[in-house]
């Protein structure tokens, strides 16, 4: 008896992939479908100003994490028992990098820990802020060796948002900002 009478068999991996893609598409469509104001007063599709996030679930840190409008962590307010190692592990970085972003020798309760190193020149983002534009975006002067990924990481914005904010600088292919170029940083951390 032939059970394969011309019918196609669906592989379990293909079904899972199709379900995952459908879920992602549904989320993206829901996020982009309306031009109405989003909760909090920011227009849909535009990030709101920095907002505090809830503390992580049990087993994580107990302090408060401040995120930006892209929901990326910007600052962490320490509580008793926090260490450089624990905070660094939670945010997937090394203690050495985290310490380089902050001046304190040890972590004290109430201390605000910079998670992005905005004030510290970094590999791929050694330039500096020269001011703000009329839309509240930071104006960043690129230095030699700066990359979009480095700048996005230093200022805690997604790479796509940095590219969209600087469409006038894109000319196809890979975008490497020349030294001296002024780049707009969307939704920077509020100090």
C-alpha atoms as a PDB file:
ATOM      1  CA  UNK A   1       0.000   0.000   0.000  1.00  0.00           C
ATOM      2  CA  UNK A   2       1.406   3.369  -1.015  1.00  0.00           C
ATOM      3  CA  UNK A   3       0.770   6.056   1.606  1.00  0.00           C
ATOM      4  CA  UNK A   4       2.481   8.759  -0.405  1.00  0.00           C
ATOM      5  CA  UNK A   5      -0.264   9.095  -3.014  1.00  0.00           C
ATOM      6  CA  UNK A   6       1.019  12.342  -4.395  1.00  0.00           C
ATOM      7  CA  UNK A   7       0.327  14.307  -1.222  1.00  0.00           C
ATOM      8  CA  UNK A   8       3.159  16.480   0.066  1.00  0.00           C
ATOM      9  CA  UNK A   9       4.428  16.029   3.571  1.00  0.00           C
ATOM     10  CA  UNK A  10       4.962  19.153   5.664  1.00  0.00           C
ATOM     11  CA  UNK A  11       8.128  19.138   7.708  1.00  0.00           C
ATOM     12  CA  UNK A  12       7.820  20.227  11.372  1.00  0.00           C
ATOM     13  CA  UNK A  13      10.646  22.769  10.974  1.00  0.00           C
ATOM     14  CA  UNK A  14       8.835  24.424   8.065  1.00  0.00           C
ATOM     15  CA  UNK A  15       5.657  24.710  10.116  1.00  0.00           C
ATOM     16  CA  UNK A  16       7.538  26.333  13.014  1.00  0.00           C
ATOM     17  CA  UNK A  17       9.315  28.737  10.691  1.00  0.00           C
ATOM     18  CA  UNK A  18       6.043  29.733   9.021  1.00  0.00           C
ATOM     19  CA  UNK A  19       4.394  30.297  12.421  1.00  0.00           C
ATOM     20  CA  UNK A  20       7.316  32.410  13.646  1.00  0.00           C
ATOM     21  CA  UNK A  21       7.304  34.527  10.487  1.00  0.00           C
ATOM     22  CA  UNK A  22       3.549  35.022  10.730  1.00  0.00           C
ATOM     23  CA  UNK A  23       3.891  36.166  14.353  1.00  0.00           C
ATOM     24  CA  UNK A  24       6.655  38.646  13.496  1.00  0.00           C
ATOM     25  CA  UNK A  25       4.662  39.991  10.568  1.00  0.00           C
ATOM     26  CA  UNK A  26       1.572  40.415  12.751  1.00  0.00           C
ATOM     27  CA  UNK A  27       3.573  42.371  15.344  1.00  0.00           C
ATOM     28  CA  UNK A  28       5.149  44.605  12.698  1.00  0.00           C
ATOM     29  CA  UNK A  29       1.816  45.269  11.018  1.00  0.00           C
ATOM     30  CA  UNK A  30       0.181  46.121  14.333  1.00  0.00           C
ATOM     31  CA  UNK A  31       3.020  48.526  15.182  1.00  0.00           C
ATOM     32  CA  UNK A  32       2.914  50.276  11.811  1.00  0.00           C
ATOM     33  CA  UNK A  33      -0.764  50.152  10.931  1.00  0.00           C
ATOM     34  CA  UNK A  34      -2.014  53.381  12.433  1.00  0.00           C
ATOM     35  CA  UNK A  35      -0.882  56.952  12.323  1.00  0.00           C
ATOM     36  CA  UNK A  36      -2.748  57.727  15.533  1.00  0.00           C
ATOM     37  CA  UNK A  37      -0.971  58.781  18.659  1.00  0.00           C
ATOM     38  CA  UNK A  38       0.501  55.964  20.677  1.00  0.00           C
ATOM     39  CA  UNK A  39      -0.045  55.779  24.444  1.00  0.00           C
ATOM     40  CA  UNK A  40       2.067  58.426  26.132  1.00  0.00           C
ATOM     41  CA  UNK A  41       1.483  61.075  23.456  1.00  0.00           C
ATOM     42  CA  UNK A  42       4.208  60.083  20.990  1.00  0.00           C
ATOM     43  CA  UNK A  43       3.038  59.569  17.413  1.00  0.00           C
ATOM     44  CA  UNK A  44       2.917  55.929  16.348  1.00  0.00           C
ATOM     45  CA  UNK A  45       6.219  54.807  14.875  1.00  0.00           C
ATOM     46  CA  UNK A  46       8.163  57.438  16.807  1.00  0.00           C
ATOM     47  CA  UNK A  47       9.875  56.599  20.073  1.00  0.00           C
ATOM     48  CA  UNK A  48       8.904  58.396  23.246  1.00  0.00           C
ATOM     49  CA  UNK A  49      11.414  60.005  25.599  1.00  0.00           C
ATOM     50  CA  UNK A  50      13.386  57.865  28.017  1.00  0.00           C
ATOM     51  CA  UNK A  51      11.139  55.943  30.371  1.00  0.00           C
ATOM     52  CA  UNK A  52      11.863  53.762  33.382  1.00  0.00           C
ATOM     53  CA  UNK A  53      11.404  50.050  32.971  1.00  0.00           C
ATOM     54  CA  UNK A  54      10.299  47.592  35.573  1.00  0.00           C
ATOM     55  CA  UNK A  55      12.924  45.647  37.465  1.00  0.00           C
ATOM     56  CA  UNK A  56      13.798  42.245  35.972  1.00  0.00           C
ATOM     57  CA  UNK A  57      12.155  39.034  37.155  1.00  0.00           C
ATOM     58  CA  UNK A  58      13.546  37.052  40.063  1.00  0.00           C
ATOM     59  CA  UNK A  59      17.102  35.853  39.637  1.00  0.00           C
ATOM     60  CA  UNK A  60      18.099  39.130  37.940  1.00  0.00           C
ATOM     61  CA  UNK A  61      19.007  42.510  39.301  1.00  0.00           C
ATOM     62  CA  UNK A  62      16.686  44.176  41.805  1.00  0.00           C
ATOM     63  CA  UNK A  63      17.440  47.783  40.918  1.00  0.00           C
ATOM     64  CA  UNK A  64      15.672  49.900  38.330  1.00  0.00           C
ATOM     65  CA  UNK A  65      16.678  50.009  34.677  1.00  0.00           C
ATOM     66  CA  UNK A  66      16.004  53.162  32.663  1.00  0.00           C
ATOM     67  CA  UNK A  67      15.392  52.549  28.980  1.00  0.00           C
ATOM     68  CA  UNK A  68      15.155  54.903  26.041  1.00  0.00           C
ATOM     69  CA  UNK A  69      12.278  55.161  23.573  1.00  0.00           C
ATOM     70  CA  UNK A  70      13.638  52.140  21.714  1.00  0.00           C
ATOM     71  CA  UNK A  71      13.415  50.099  24.964  1.00  0.00           C
ATOM     72  CA  UNK A  72      17.194  49.739  25.102  1.00  0.00           C
ATOM     73  CA  UNK A  73      18.781  49.948  28.572  1.00  0.00           C
ATOM     74  CA  UNK A  74      20.533  53.253  29.281  1.00  0.00           C
ATOM     75  CA  UNK A  75      21.080  53.440  33.044  1.00  0.00           C
ATOM     76  CA  UNK A  76      20.715  51.176  36.032  1.00  0.00           C
ATOM     77  CA  UNK A  77      20.084  52.350  39.613  1.00  0.00           C
ATOM     78  CA  UNK A  78      21.948  49.994  41.937  1.00  0.00           C
ATOM     79  CA  UNK A  79      20.653  48.449  45.157  1.00  0.00           C
ATOM     80  CA  UNK A  80      22.459  46.814  48.099  1.00  0.00           C
ATOM     81  CA  UNK A  81      24.294  43.704  46.992  1.00  0.00           C
ATOM     82  CA  UNK A  82      24.865  44.727  43.369  1.00  0.00           C
ATOM     83  CA  UNK A  83      28.384  44.257  41.981  1.00  0.00           C
ATOM     84  CA  UNK A  84      30.136  45.312  38.790  1.00  0.00           C
ATOM     85  CA  UNK A  85      30.291  41.655  37.784  1.00  0.00           C
ATOM     86  CA  UNK A  86      26.571  41.021  38.368  1.00  0.00           C
ATOM     87  CA  UNK A  87      25.439  44.159  36.573  1.00  0.00           C
ATOM     88  CA  UNK A  88      27.809  43.510  33.659  1.00  0.00           C
ATOM     89  CA  UNK A  89      26.648  39.905  33.311  1.00  0.00           C
ATOM     90  CA  UNK A  90      22.989  40.950  33.384  1.00  0.00           C
ATOM     91  CA  UNK A  91      23.503  43.464  30.576  1.00  0.00           C
ATOM     92  CA  UNK A  92      25.854  41.146  28.619  1.00  0.00           C
ATOM     93  CA  UNK A  93      29.070  43.101  28.874  1.00  0.00           C
ATOM     94  CA  UNK A  94      32.339  42.712  30.713  1.00  0.00           C
ATOM     95  CA  UNK A  95      32.934  44.317  34.128  1.00  0.00           C
ATOM     96  CA  UNK A  96      35.943  46.137  32.657  1.00  0.00           C
ATOM     97  CA  UNK A  97      33.856  47.825  29.980  1.00  0.00           C
ATOM     98  CA  UNK A  98      31.127  48.721  32.469  1.00  0.00           C
ATOM     99  CA  UNK A  99      33.699  50.243  34.855  1.00  0.00           C
ATOM    100  CA  UNK A 100      35.223  52.252  32.004  1.00  0.00           C
ATOM    101  CA  UNK A 101      31.818  53.926  31.519  1.00  0.00           C
ATOM    102  CA  UNK A 102      31.561  54.852  35.215  1.00  0.00           C
ATOM    103  CA  UNK A 103      33.874  56.632  37.670  1.00  0.00           C
ATOM    104  CA  UNK A 104      32.938  54.841  40.907  1.00  0.00           C
ATOM    105  CA  UNK A 105      35.365  52.269  42.321  1.00  0.00           C
ATOM    106  CA  UNK A 106      32.579  50.143  43.788  1.00  0.00           C
ATOM    107  CA  UNK A 107      28.821  49.882  43.372  1.00  0.00           C
ATOM    108  CA  UNK A 108      26.765  51.558  46.113  1.00  0.00           C
ATOM    109  CA  UNK A 109      23.023  51.499  46.680  1.00  0.00           C
ATOM    110  CA  UNK A 110      21.374  54.369  44.791  1.00  0.00           C
ATOM    111  CA  UNK A 111      24.290  54.749  42.384  1.00  0.00           C
ATOM    112  CA  UNK A 112      23.254  55.398  38.784  1.00  0.00           C
ATOM    113  CA  UNK A 113      25.292  53.177  36.475  1.00  0.00           C
ATOM    114  CA  UNK A 114      25.787  54.289  32.861  1.00  0.00           C
ATOM    115  CA  UNK A 115      25.226  51.236  30.654  1.00  0.00           C
ATOM    116  CA  UNK A 116      26.144  52.795  27.322  1.00  0.00           C
ATOM    117  CA  UNK A 117      29.241  54.918  27.878  1.00  0.00           C
ATOM    118  CA  UNK A 118      27.775  57.952  26.158  1.00  0.00           C
ATOM    119  CA  UNK A 119      30.486  60.215  27.602  1.00  0.00           C
ATOM    120  CA  UNK A 120      33.311  57.783  26.735  1.00  0.00           C
ATOM    121  CA  UNK A 121      34.845  57.625  23.240  1.00  0.00           C
ATOM    122  CA  UNK A 122      34.618  54.023  22.042  1.00  0.00           C
ATOM    123  CA  UNK A 123      35.897  51.885  19.197  1.00  0.00           C
ATOM    124  CA  UNK A 124      33.792  52.890  16.201  1.00  0.00           C
ATOM    125  CA  UNK A 125      32.449  55.965  18.007  1.00  0.00           C
ATOM    126  CA  UNK A 126      35.299  58.273  18.973  1.00  0.00           C
ATOM    127  CA  UNK A 127      33.627  61.511  17.912  1.00  0.00           C
ATOM    128  CA  UNK A 128      31.799  63.985  20.088  1.00  0.00           C
ATOM    129  CA  UNK A 129      28.463  65.749  20.429  1.00  0.00           C
ATOM    130  CA  UNK A 130      28.435  69.303  19.104  1.00  0.00           C
ATOM    131  CA  UNK A 131      24.860  70.269  20.028  1.00  0.00           C
ATOM    132  CA  UNK A 132      21.216  69.495  19.278  1.00  0.00           C
ATOM    133  CA  UNK A 133      18.972  70.146  16.315  1.00  0.00           C
ATOM    134  CA  UNK A 134      15.460  71.568  16.431  1.00  0.00           C
ATOM    135  CA  UNK A 135      13.969  68.060  16.752  1.00  0.00           C
ATOM    136  CA  UNK A 136      15.793  67.180  19.988  1.00  0.00           C
ATOM    137  CA  UNK A 137      18.348  64.975  18.254  1.00  0.00           C
ATOM    138  CA  UNK A 138      22.006  65.145  19.239  1.00  0.00           C
ATOM    139  CA  UNK A 139      24.389  66.362  16.563  1.00  0.00           C
ATOM    140  CA  UNK A 140      27.475  64.159  16.564  1.00  0.00           C
ATOM    141  CA  UNK A 141      30.720  65.030  14.784  1.00  0.00           C
ATOM    142  CA  UNK A 142      32.249  61.813  13.386  1.00  0.00           C
ATOM    143  CA  UNK A 143      35.933  61.086  13.793  1.00  0.00           C
ATOM    144  CA  UNK A 144      38.180  58.842  11.684  1.00  0.00           C
ATOM    145  CA  UNK A 145      37.257  55.192  12.142  1.00  0.00           C
ATOM    146  CA  UNK A 146      33.676  55.807  13.303  1.00  0.00           C
ATOM    147  CA  UNK A 147      31.087  53.303  12.109  1.00  0.00           C
ATOM    148  CA  UNK A 148      27.301  53.435  12.197  1.00  0.00           C
ATOM    149  CA  UNK A 149      27.222  50.365  14.467  1.00  0.00           C
ATOM    150  CA  UNK A 150      29.697  51.928  16.904  1.00  0.00           C
ATOM    151  CA  UNK A 151      27.775  55.203  17.051  1.00  0.00           C
ATOM    152  CA  UNK A 152      24.446  53.391  17.477  1.00  0.00           C
ATOM    153  CA  UNK A 153      25.880  51.286  20.305  1.00  0.00           C
ATOM    154  CA  UNK A 154      27.457  54.223  22.138  1.00  0.00           C
ATOM    155  CA  UNK A 155      24.238  56.237  22.110  1.00  0.00           C
ATOM    156  CA  UNK A 156      21.879  53.319  22.693  1.00  0.00           C
ATOM    157  CA  UNK A 157      19.858  53.553  19.505  1.00  0.00           C
ATOM    158  CA  UNK A 158      19.128  50.819  16.982  1.00  0.00           C
ATOM    159  CA  UNK A 159      21.197  50.945  13.817  1.00  0.00           C
ATOM    160  CA  UNK A 160      18.069  51.251  11.653  1.00  0.00           C
ATOM    161  CA  UNK A 161      16.992  54.374  13.610  1.00  0.00           C
ATOM    162  CA  UNK A 162      20.408  55.979  13.128  1.00  0.00           C
ATOM    163  CA  UNK A 163      20.257  55.264   9.389  1.00  0.00           C
ATOM    164  CA  UNK A 164      16.712  56.652   9.084  1.00  0.00           C
ATOM    165  CA  UNK A 165      17.705  59.836  10.935  1.00  0.00           C
ATOM    166  CA  UNK A 166      20.542  60.318   8.446  1.00  0.00           C
ATOM    167  CA  UNK A 167      18.983  59.355   5.115  1.00  0.00           C
ATOM    168  CA  UNK A 168      20.605  62.409   3.539  1.00  0.00           C
ATOM    169  CA  UNK A 169      24.035  60.819   4.162  1.00  0.00           C
ATOM    170  CA  UNK A 170      23.285  57.415   2.639  1.00  0.00           C
ATOM    171  CA  UNK A 171      24.456  56.841  -0.894  1.00  0.00           C
ATOM    172  CA  UNK A 172      23.901  53.113  -1.271  1.00  0.00           C
ATOM    173  CA  UNK A 173      26.139  50.286  -0.214  1.00  0.00           C
ATOM    174  CA  UNK A 174      27.811  50.378   3.175  1.00  0.00           C
ATOM    175  CA  UNK A 175      27.557  53.719   4.962  1.00  0.00           C
ATOM    176  CA  UNK A 176      30.812  54.782   6.613  1.00  0.00           C
ATOM    177  CA  UNK A 177      30.629  58.392   7.807  1.00  0.00           C
ATOM    178  CA  UNK A 178      33.716  60.398   6.812  1.00  0.00           C
ATOM    179  CA  UNK A 179      35.572  62.214   9.604  1.00  0.00           C
ATOM    180  CA  UNK A 180      33.992  65.596  10.268  1.00  0.00           C
ATOM    181  CA  UNK A 181      30.507  64.556   9.130  1.00  0.00           C
ATOM    182  CA  UNK A 182      27.670  65.710  11.376  1.00  0.00           C
ATOM    183  CA  UNK A 183      25.333  62.828  12.227  1.00  0.00           C
ATOM    184  CA  UNK A 184      21.940  63.140  13.922  1.00  0.00           C
ATOM    185  CA  UNK A 185      21.414  60.780  16.898  1.00  0.00           C
ATOM    186  CA  UNK A 186      17.668  60.079  17.302  1.00  0.00           C
ATOM    187  CA  UNK A 187      16.124  59.863  20.785  1.00  0.00           C
ATOM    188  CA  UNK A 188      19.355  60.265  22.761  1.00  0.00           C
ATOM    189  CA  UNK A 189      19.476  59.499  26.475  1.00  0.00           C
ATOM    190  CA  UNK A 190      18.227  62.351  28.616  1.00  0.00           C
ATOM    191  CA  UNK A 191      20.798  63.508  31.165  1.00  0.00           C
END
